[in-house]
Amino acid sequence: YAKVVQNPFEGISEYETGNFISVYNHEIAHREFYKNLLSHDAIPKLDFKFKTIDFNKREVVLQSAKIFEDLIVAAYNGILSRTVNEKLVLSNAKVLSVDARHAALMAELELPGSFVSSVGVNGVDPAWRPSQVMAVAQLYIVQKINFQGISF
């Protein structure tokens, strides 16, 4: 989102700009919240690689944003039922609800009327294990993420 906010694609509307700024600010708030909550257990700063994303093309930016938001929702859904700390369950559920709205927004911006396209036939989003999430996320993260010792 930082890349889109700093260097918008050609023809970006005022509505889209406002939404990207809003989502960017939410993601920064989520990062800072978890950094403070987890303290020394927080994930270290990550470097990202977006070579396969053409940030000059609206359709590529929206499709990529939707993929990332759907991935985040699947990740939270995957860990939420396995989280035993009640404080983390509540915090994760709150962040999940915001990110689910982001996913719906990106779907709607990409293709109006499609905001529920990732929801399954039972009315729920997918729930992915960390290994499934990282199979996709690792493509965009410079550092190699190691999940050894994580039981789910």
N, C-alpha and C. Protein backbone atom coordinates (compact mmCIF):
# COMPACT_ATOMS: atom_id res chain seq x y z
N TYR A 1 0.82 -1.20 0.00
CA TYR A 1 0.00 0.00 0.00
C TYR A 1 0.86 1.25 0.00
N ALA A 2 2.01 1.18 0.65
CA ALA A 2 2.91 2.32 0.65
C ALA A 2 3.32 2.68 -0.78
N LYS A 3 3.63 1.68 -1.59
CA LYS A 3 4.02 1.93 -2.98
C LYS A 3 2.89 2.60 -3.76
N VAL A 4 1.67 2.16 -3.55
CA VAL A 4 0.53 2.73 -4.28
C VAL A 4 0.25 4.15 -3.80
N VAL A 5 0.34 4.38 -2.50
CA VAL A 5 0.08 5.71 -1.94
C VAL A 5 1.16 6.69 -2.40
N GLN A 6 2.43 6.24 -2.40
CA GLN A 6 3.53 7.13 -2.78
C GLN A 6 3.62 7.36 -4.28
N ASN A 7 3.27 6.34 -5.07
CA ASN A 7 3.34 6.43 -6.53
C ASN A 7 2.08 5.81 -7.13
N PRO A 8 0.97 6.54 -7.12
CA PRO A 8 -0.30 5.98 -7.61
C PRO A 8 -0.23 5.59 -9.09
N PHE A 9 -0.98 4.56 -9.44
CA PHE A 9 -1.06 4.16 -10.84
C PHE A 9 -1.80 5.24 -11.63
N GLU A 10 -1.53 5.26 -12.92
CA GLU A 10 -2.14 6.27 -13.79
C GLU A 10 -3.66 6.13 -13.79
N GLY A 11 -4.34 7.24 -13.62
CA GLY A 11 -5.79 7.25 -13.67
C GLY A 11 -6.48 6.88 -12.37
N ILE A 12 -5.71 6.76 -11.28
CA ILE A 12 -6.32 6.42 -9.99
C ILE A 12 -7.34 7.50 -9.62
N SER A 13 -8.50 7.07 -9.19
CA SER A 13 -9.55 8.03 -8.84
C SER A 13 -9.33 8.53 -7.41
N GLU A 14 -10.01 9.61 -7.10
CA GLU A 14 -9.96 10.17 -5.75
C GLU A 14 -10.50 9.15 -4.74
N TYR A 15 -11.55 8.44 -5.14
CA TYR A 15 -12.15 7.41 -4.28
C TYR A 15 -11.15 6.30 -4.00
N GLU A 16 -10.49 5.82 -5.06
CA GLU A 16 -9.48 4.77 -4.88
C GLU A 16 -8.32 5.25 -4.02
N THR A 17 -7.87 6.47 -4.26
CA THR A 17 -6.76 7.03 -3.47
C THR A 17 -7.13 7.06 -1.99
N GLY A 18 -8.31 7.54 -1.69
CA GLY A 18 -8.76 7.58 -0.30
C GLY A 18 -8.81 6.20 0.33
N ASN A 19 -9.28 5.23 -0.42
CA ASN A 19 -9.34 3.87 0.10
C ASN A 19 -7.95 3.28 0.32
N PHE A 20 -7.04 3.50 -0.62
CA PHE A 20 -5.68 2.98 -0.44
C PHE A 20 -4.99 3.64 0.75
N ILE A 21 -5.21 4.91 0.94
CA ILE A 21 -4.63 5.60 2.11
C ILE A 21 -5.22 5.03 3.40
N SER A 22 -6.52 4.81 3.41
CA SER A 22 -7.18 4.25 4.59
C SER A 22 -6.65 2.85 4.92
N VAL A 23 -6.56 1.99 3.91
CA VAL A 23 -6.05 0.63 4.13
C VAL A 23 -4.60 0.68 4.57
N TYR A 24 -3.81 1.52 3.95
CA TYR A 24 -2.41 1.70 4.34
C TYR A 24 -2.31 2.06 5.82
N ASN A 25 -3.11 3.03 6.25
CA ASN A 25 -3.09 3.45 7.66
C ASN A 25 -3.53 2.33 8.59
N HIS A 26 -4.52 1.55 8.19
CA HIS A 26 -4.96 0.41 9.00
C HIS A 26 -3.84 -0.61 9.15
N GLU A 27 -3.15 -0.91 8.05
CA GLU A 27 -2.08 -1.91 8.10
C GLU A 27 -0.92 -1.44 8.97
N ILE A 28 -0.61 -0.15 8.93
CA ILE A 28 0.42 0.39 9.82
C ILE A 28 -0.03 0.25 11.27
N ALA A 29 -1.30 0.55 11.53
CA ALA A 29 -1.83 0.41 12.90
C ALA A 29 -1.76 -1.04 13.36
N HIS A 30 -2.09 -1.97 12.48
CA HIS A 30 -2.01 -3.40 12.84
C HIS A 30 -0.57 -3.79 13.16
N ARG A 31 0.36 -3.37 12.31
CA ARG A 31 1.78 -3.69 12.54
C ARG A 31 2.24 -3.15 13.89
N GLU A 32 1.93 -1.91 14.17
CA GLU A 32 2.38 -1.29 15.43
C GLU A 32 1.69 -1.92 16.63
N PHE A 33 0.42 -2.27 16.49
CA PHE A 33 -0.31 -2.92 17.56
C PHE A 33 0.37 -4.24 17.94
N TYR A 34 0.65 -5.07 16.93
CA TYR A 34 1.27 -6.37 17.22
C TYR A 34 2.71 -6.21 17.70
N LYS A 35 3.41 -5.23 17.19
CA LYS A 35 4.78 -4.99 17.65
C LYS A 35 4.77 -4.66 19.15
N ASN A 36 3.83 -3.82 19.58
CA ASN A 36 3.72 -3.48 21.00
C ASN A 36 3.18 -4.64 21.83
N LEU A 37 2.19 -5.34 21.32
CA LEU A 37 1.60 -6.46 22.05
C LEU A 37 2.60 -7.59 22.26
N LEU A 38 3.34 -7.92 21.21
CA LEU A 38 4.25 -9.07 21.26
C LEU A 38 5.64 -8.72 21.76
N SER A 39 5.97 -7.46 21.78
CA SER A 39 7.26 -6.97 22.28
C SER A 39 8.42 -7.74 21.66
N HIS A 40 9.23 -8.39 22.49
CA HIS A 40 10.42 -9.09 21.97
C HIS A 40 10.08 -10.33 21.14
N ASP A 41 8.83 -10.79 21.20
CA ASP A 41 8.39 -11.94 20.40
C ASP A 41 7.83 -11.53 19.04
N ALA A 42 7.80 -10.23 18.77
CA ALA A 42 7.25 -9.74 17.51
C ALA A 42 8.13 -10.17 16.34
N ILE A 43 7.53 -10.26 15.19
CA ILE A 43 8.26 -10.57 13.96
C ILE A 43 9.20 -9.40 13.68
N PRO A 44 10.46 -9.69 13.36
CA PRO A 44 11.38 -8.59 13.03
C PRO A 44 10.96 -7.90 11.73
N LYS A 45 11.52 -6.74 11.48
CA LYS A 45 11.22 -5.99 10.26
C LYS A 45 11.54 -6.88 9.06
N LEU A 46 10.61 -6.91 8.12
CA LEU A 46 10.78 -7.71 6.91
C LEU A 46 11.01 -6.80 5.71
N ASP A 47 11.74 -7.32 4.76
CA ASP A 47 11.93 -6.63 3.49
C ASP A 47 11.11 -7.37 2.45
N PHE A 48 10.51 -6.61 1.55
CA PHE A 48 9.62 -7.21 0.57
C PHE A 48 10.15 -7.03 -0.84
N LYS A 49 9.76 -7.96 -1.70
CA LYS A 49 10.13 -7.92 -3.12
C LYS A 49 8.84 -8.03 -3.94
N PHE A 50 8.62 -7.04 -4.75
CA PHE A 50 7.39 -6.98 -5.54
C PHE A 50 7.70 -6.92 -7.04
N LYS A 51 8.73 -7.61 -7.47
CA LYS A 51 9.17 -7.53 -8.87
C LYS A 51 8.11 -8.02 -9.86
N THR A 52 7.22 -8.90 -9.42
CA THR A 52 6.22 -9.44 -10.34
C THR A 52 4.96 -8.57 -10.42
N ILE A 53 4.93 -7.49 -9.64
CA ILE A 53 3.75 -6.62 -9.62
C ILE A 53 4.08 -5.32 -10.36
N ASP A 54 3.32 -5.02 -11.39
CA ASP A 54 3.48 -3.77 -12.12
C ASP A 54 2.57 -2.73 -11.47
N PHE A 55 3.17 -1.89 -10.64
CA PHE A 55 2.41 -0.90 -9.86
C PHE A 55 1.86 0.23 -10.73
N ASN A 56 2.18 0.23 -12.00
CA ASN A 56 1.65 1.25 -12.91
C ASN A 56 0.31 0.84 -13.51
N LYS A 57 -0.08 -0.41 -13.31
CA LYS A 57 -1.31 -0.92 -13.90
C LYS A 57 -2.38 -1.14 -12.83
N ARG A 58 -3.47 -0.44 -12.97
CA ARG A 58 -4.57 -0.50 -12.01
C ARG A 58 -5.02 -1.94 -11.76
N GLU A 59 -5.28 -2.68 -12.84
CA GLU A 59 -5.81 -4.04 -12.68
C GLU A 59 -4.83 -4.95 -11.93
N VAL A 60 -3.54 -4.77 -12.14
CA VAL A 60 -2.53 -5.58 -11.44
C VAL A 60 -2.48 -5.20 -9.96
N VAL A 61 -2.53 -3.91 -9.68
CA VAL A 61 -2.49 -3.44 -8.30
C VAL A 61 -3.71 -3.96 -7.53
N LEU A 62 -4.90 -3.82 -8.12
CA LEU A 62 -6.11 -4.26 -7.43
C LEU A 62 -6.14 -5.78 -7.26
N GLN A 63 -5.74 -6.50 -8.28
CA GLN A 63 -5.70 -7.96 -8.18
C GLN A 63 -4.70 -8.40 -7.11
N SER A 64 -3.54 -7.78 -7.07
CA SER A 64 -2.52 -8.12 -6.07
C SER A 64 -3.01 -7.78 -4.66
N ALA A 65 -3.62 -6.61 -4.51
CA ALA A 65 -4.14 -6.22 -3.19
C ALA A 65 -5.21 -7.20 -2.72
N LYS A 66 -6.07 -7.63 -3.61
CA LYS A 66 -7.10 -8.60 -3.25
C LYS A 66 -6.46 -9.94 -2.84
N ILE A 67 -5.46 -10.38 -3.58
CA ILE A 67 -4.77 -11.62 -3.23
C ILE A 67 -4.16 -11.51 -1.84
N PHE A 68 -3.48 -10.40 -1.55
CA PHE A 68 -2.86 -10.22 -0.24
C PHE A 68 -3.90 -10.17 0.87
N GLU A 69 -4.98 -9.43 0.65
CA GLU A 69 -6.01 -9.34 1.69
C GLU A 69 -6.69 -10.68 1.92
N ASP A 70 -6.99 -11.40 0.85
CA ASP A 70 -7.57 -12.74 1.01
C ASP A 70 -6.61 -13.66 1.75
N LEU A 71 -5.33 -13.53 1.48
CA LEU A 71 -4.31 -14.34 2.16
C LEU A 71 -4.28 -14.01 3.66
N ILE A 72 -4.36 -12.74 3.98
CA ILE A 72 -4.35 -12.32 5.39
C ILE A 72 -5.58 -12.88 6.11
N VAL A 73 -6.73 -12.80 5.47
CA VAL A 73 -7.96 -13.32 6.08
C VAL A 73 -7.85 -14.82 6.29
N ALA A 74 -7.35 -15.54 5.29
CA ALA A 74 -7.18 -16.99 5.42
C ALA A 74 -6.20 -17.33 6.55
N ALA A 75 -5.16 -16.51 6.70
CA ALA A 75 -4.17 -16.73 7.77
C ALA A 75 -4.82 -16.54 9.14
N TYR A 76 -5.53 -15.44 9.32
CA TYR A 76 -6.19 -15.22 10.61
C TYR A 76 -7.23 -16.29 10.90
N ASN A 77 -8.01 -16.66 9.89
CA ASN A 77 -9.00 -17.72 10.09
C ASN A 77 -8.32 -19.03 10.49
N GLY A 78 -7.15 -19.27 9.93
CA GLY A 78 -6.43 -20.50 10.23
C GLY A 78 -5.87 -20.56 11.63
N ILE A 79 -5.47 -19.41 12.18
CA ILE A 79 -4.88 -19.43 13.52
C ILE A 79 -5.87 -19.12 14.63
N LEU A 80 -6.97 -18.47 14.28
CA LEU A 80 -7.90 -18.03 15.32
C LEU A 80 -8.44 -19.18 16.16
N SER A 81 -8.85 -20.27 15.52
CA SER A 81 -9.41 -21.39 16.28
C SER A 81 -8.33 -22.15 17.07
N ARG A 82 -7.07 -21.89 16.77
CA ARG A 82 -5.97 -22.57 17.46
C ARG A 82 -5.33 -21.69 18.54
N THR A 83 -5.81 -20.47 18.67
CA THR A 83 -5.25 -19.53 19.63
C THR A 83 -5.90 -19.74 20.99
N VAL A 84 -5.09 -19.96 22.02
CA VAL A 84 -5.63 -20.24 23.35
C VAL A 84 -5.65 -19.01 24.26
N ASN A 85 -4.82 -18.03 23.99
CA ASN A 85 -4.78 -16.82 24.79
C ASN A 85 -5.99 -15.96 24.45
N GLU A 86 -6.90 -15.76 25.43
CA GLU A 86 -8.14 -15.03 25.17
C GLU A 86 -7.91 -13.61 24.67
N LYS A 87 -6.87 -12.96 25.19
CA LYS A 87 -6.55 -11.60 24.74
C LYS A 87 -6.17 -11.61 23.25
N LEU A 88 -5.39 -12.61 22.86
CA LEU A 88 -5.01 -12.71 21.44
C LEU A 88 -6.18 -13.10 20.56
N VAL A 89 -7.08 -13.93 21.06
CA VAL A 89 -8.27 -14.30 20.28
C VAL A 89 -9.07 -13.04 19.96
N LEU A 90 -9.32 -12.21 20.95
CA LEU A 90 -10.09 -10.99 20.75
C LEU A 90 -9.36 -10.03 19.82
N SER A 91 -8.07 -9.84 20.05
CA SER A 91 -7.28 -8.94 19.21
C SER A 91 -7.24 -9.42 17.77
N ASN A 92 -6.98 -10.71 17.59
CA ASN A 92 -6.93 -11.27 16.24
C ASN A 92 -8.27 -11.17 15.54
N ALA A 93 -9.35 -11.40 16.27
CA ALA A 93 -10.69 -11.31 15.67
C ALA A 93 -10.99 -9.88 15.22
N LYS A 94 -10.57 -8.91 16.00
CA LYS A 94 -10.79 -7.51 15.62
C LYS A 94 -10.00 -7.16 14.36
N VAL A 95 -8.74 -7.56 14.32
CA VAL A 95 -7.92 -7.28 13.15
C VAL A 95 -8.46 -8.04 11.94
N LEU A 96 -8.87 -9.27 12.15
CA LEU A 96 -9.45 -10.08 11.07
C LEU A 96 -10.67 -9.38 10.46
N SER A 97 -11.52 -8.82 11.30
CA SER A 97 -12.72 -8.17 10.76
C SER A 97 -12.36 -6.96 9.89
N VAL A 98 -11.33 -6.24 10.27
CA VAL A 98 -10.88 -5.10 9.46
C VAL A 98 -10.29 -5.60 8.14
N ASP A 99 -9.45 -6.63 8.23
CA ASP A 99 -8.83 -7.15 7.01
C ASP A 99 -9.85 -7.81 6.09
N ALA A 100 -10.89 -8.40 6.64
CA ALA A 100 -11.96 -8.96 5.80
C ALA A 100 -12.67 -7.83 5.04
N ARG A 101 -12.84 -6.69 5.69
CA ARG A 101 -13.42 -5.54 4.99
C ARG A 101 -12.48 -5.04 3.90
N HIS A 102 -11.16 -5.07 4.17
CA HIS A 102 -10.19 -4.70 3.14
C HIS A 102 -10.30 -5.62 1.93
N ALA A 103 -10.42 -6.92 2.20
CA ALA A 103 -10.54 -7.90 1.11
C ALA A 103 -11.80 -7.63 0.29
N ALA A 104 -12.89 -7.36 0.96
CA ALA A 104 -14.14 -7.05 0.26
C ALA A 104 -14.00 -5.78 -0.56
N LEU A 105 -13.35 -4.78 -0.01
CA LEU A 105 -13.14 -3.52 -0.72
C LEU A 105 -12.31 -3.74 -1.98
N MET A 106 -11.21 -4.48 -1.85
CA MET A 106 -10.34 -4.69 -3.02
C MET A 106 -11.08 -5.48 -4.10
N ALA A 107 -11.88 -6.46 -3.69
CA ALA A 107 -12.68 -7.22 -4.67
C ALA A 107 -13.66 -6.29 -5.37
N GLU A 108 -14.28 -5.42 -4.61
CA GLU A 108 -15.27 -4.50 -5.17
C GLU A 108 -14.62 -3.48 -6.11
N LEU A 109 -13.41 -2.98 -5.74
CA LEU A 109 -12.71 -2.05 -6.61
C LEU A 109 -12.28 -2.74 -7.91
N GLU A 110 -11.83 -3.99 -7.77
CA GLU A 110 -11.37 -4.74 -8.94
C GLU A 110 -12.53 -5.04 -9.89
N LEU A 111 -13.63 -5.52 -9.31
CA LEU A 111 -14.80 -5.89 -10.12
C LEU A 111 -16.06 -5.55 -9.32
N PRO A 112 -16.67 -4.40 -9.61
CA PRO A 112 -17.86 -4.01 -8.85
C PRO A 112 -18.92 -5.12 -8.79
N GLY A 113 -19.44 -5.32 -7.59
CA GLY A 113 -20.45 -6.36 -7.37
C GLY A 113 -19.88 -7.70 -6.95
N SER A 114 -18.55 -7.79 -6.82
CA SER A 114 -17.92 -9.07 -6.52
C SER A 114 -17.35 -9.15 -5.11
N PHE A 115 -17.78 -8.30 -4.22
CA PHE A 115 -17.14 -8.19 -2.91
C PHE A 115 -17.17 -9.46 -2.08
N VAL A 116 -17.99 -10.42 -2.40
CA VAL A 116 -18.02 -11.68 -1.63
C VAL A 116 -17.48 -12.85 -2.44
N SER A 117 -16.71 -12.57 -3.47
CA SER A 117 -16.27 -13.63 -4.38
C SER A 117 -15.37 -14.68 -3.72
N SER A 118 -14.68 -14.33 -2.63
CA SER A 118 -13.78 -15.31 -2.01
C SER A 118 -14.47 -16.14 -0.92
N VAL A 119 -15.70 -15.80 -0.61
CA VAL A 119 -16.43 -16.52 0.43
C VAL A 119 -16.94 -17.83 -0.14
N GLY A 120 -16.76 -18.91 0.62
CA GLY A 120 -17.17 -20.23 0.15
C GLY A 120 -18.67 -20.43 0.15
N VAL A 121 -19.10 -21.58 -0.33
CA VAL A 121 -20.52 -21.87 -0.44
C VAL A 121 -21.23 -21.91 0.91
N ASN A 122 -20.49 -22.13 1.98
CA ASN A 122 -21.07 -22.14 3.32
C ASN A 122 -21.05 -20.76 3.97
N GLY A 123 -20.63 -19.75 3.21
CA GLY A 123 -20.63 -18.38 3.74
C GLY A 123 -19.43 -18.04 4.59
N VAL A 124 -18.36 -18.81 4.49
CA VAL A 124 -17.17 -18.52 5.28
C VAL A 124 -15.94 -18.42 4.37
N ASP A 125 -15.00 -17.61 4.82
CA ASP A 125 -13.72 -17.50 4.11
C ASP A 125 -12.87 -18.72 4.42
N PRO A 126 -11.90 -19.01 3.57
CA PRO A 126 -11.01 -20.15 3.85
C PRO A 126 -10.17 -19.92 5.11
N ALA A 127 -9.74 -21.01 5.72
CA ALA A 127 -8.84 -20.98 6.88
C ALA A 127 -7.59 -21.78 6.51
N TRP A 128 -6.45 -21.10 6.45
CA TRP A 128 -5.21 -21.74 6.03
C TRP A 128 -4.24 -21.90 7.19
N ARG A 129 -3.47 -22.96 7.14
CA ARG A 129 -2.38 -23.19 8.10
C ARG A 129 -1.21 -22.25 7.74
N PRO A 130 -0.35 -21.97 8.71
CA PRO A 130 0.80 -21.09 8.42
C PRO A 130 1.63 -21.56 7.23
N SER A 131 1.81 -22.86 7.07
CA SER A 131 2.61 -23.35 5.93
C SER A 131 1.94 -23.02 4.60
N GLN A 132 0.61 -23.05 4.55
CA GLN A 132 -0.11 -22.70 3.33
C GLN A 132 0.02 -21.20 3.04
N VAL A 133 -0.11 -20.41 4.08
CA VAL A 133 0.01 -18.96 3.94
C VAL A 133 1.41 -18.60 3.45
N MET A 134 2.41 -19.20 4.08
CA MET A 134 3.78 -18.84 3.74
C MET A 134 4.20 -19.33 2.35
N ALA A 135 3.55 -20.36 1.84
CA ALA A 135 3.85 -20.80 0.47
C ALA A 135 3.59 -19.67 -0.52
N VAL A 136 2.61 -18.83 -0.22
CA VAL A 136 2.31 -17.67 -1.06
C VAL A 136 3.10 -16.45 -0.59
N ALA A 137 3.05 -16.16 0.69
CA ALA A 137 3.69 -14.95 1.22
C ALA A 137 5.19 -14.94 1.00
N GLN A 138 5.83 -16.09 1.11
CA GLN A 138 7.29 -16.15 0.98
C GLN A 138 7.77 -15.65 -0.38
N LEU A 139 6.91 -15.73 -1.39
CA LEU A 139 7.27 -15.23 -2.71
C LEU A 139 7.58 -13.73 -2.69
N TYR A 140 7.05 -13.02 -1.71
CA TYR A 140 7.18 -11.57 -1.64
C TYR A 140 8.03 -11.08 -0.47
N ILE A 141 8.59 -12.00 0.30
CA ILE A 141 9.40 -11.64 1.47
C ILE A 141 10.85 -12.03 1.20
N VAL A 142 11.77 -11.10 1.39
CA VAL A 142 13.19 -11.35 1.13
C VAL A 142 13.73 -12.38 2.12
N GLN A 143 13.48 -12.18 3.42
CA GLN A 143 13.99 -13.09 4.44
C GLN A 143 13.26 -14.43 4.36
N LYS A 144 13.97 -15.50 4.59
CA LYS A 144 13.36 -16.83 4.64
C LYS A 144 12.70 -17.00 6.01
N ILE A 145 11.41 -17.32 6.01
CA ILE A 145 10.65 -17.49 7.24
C ILE A 145 10.68 -18.97 7.63
N ASN A 146 11.00 -19.24 8.88
CA ASN A 146 11.11 -20.60 9.37
C ASN A 146 10.00 -20.86 10.39
N PHE A 147 9.19 -21.87 10.13
CA PHE A 147 8.09 -22.22 11.04
C PHE A 147 8.38 -23.44 11.88
N GLN A 148 9.64 -23.84 12.00
CA GLN A 148 9.95 -24.98 12.85
C GLN A 148 9.53 -24.69 14.28
N GLY A 149 8.96 -25.69 14.92
CA GLY A 149 8.53 -25.54 16.31
C GLY A 149 7.12 -25.04 16.46
N ILE A 150 6.48 -24.64 15.40
CA ILE A 150 5.08 -24.21 15.47
C ILE A 150 4.22 -25.45 15.24
N SER A 151 3.32 -25.70 16.16
CA SER A 151 2.60 -26.97 16.16
C SER A 151 1.39 -27.00 15.25
N PHE A 152 1.01 -25.91 14.64
CA PHE A 152 -0.18 -25.97 13.78
C PHE A 152 0.11 -25.46 12.40
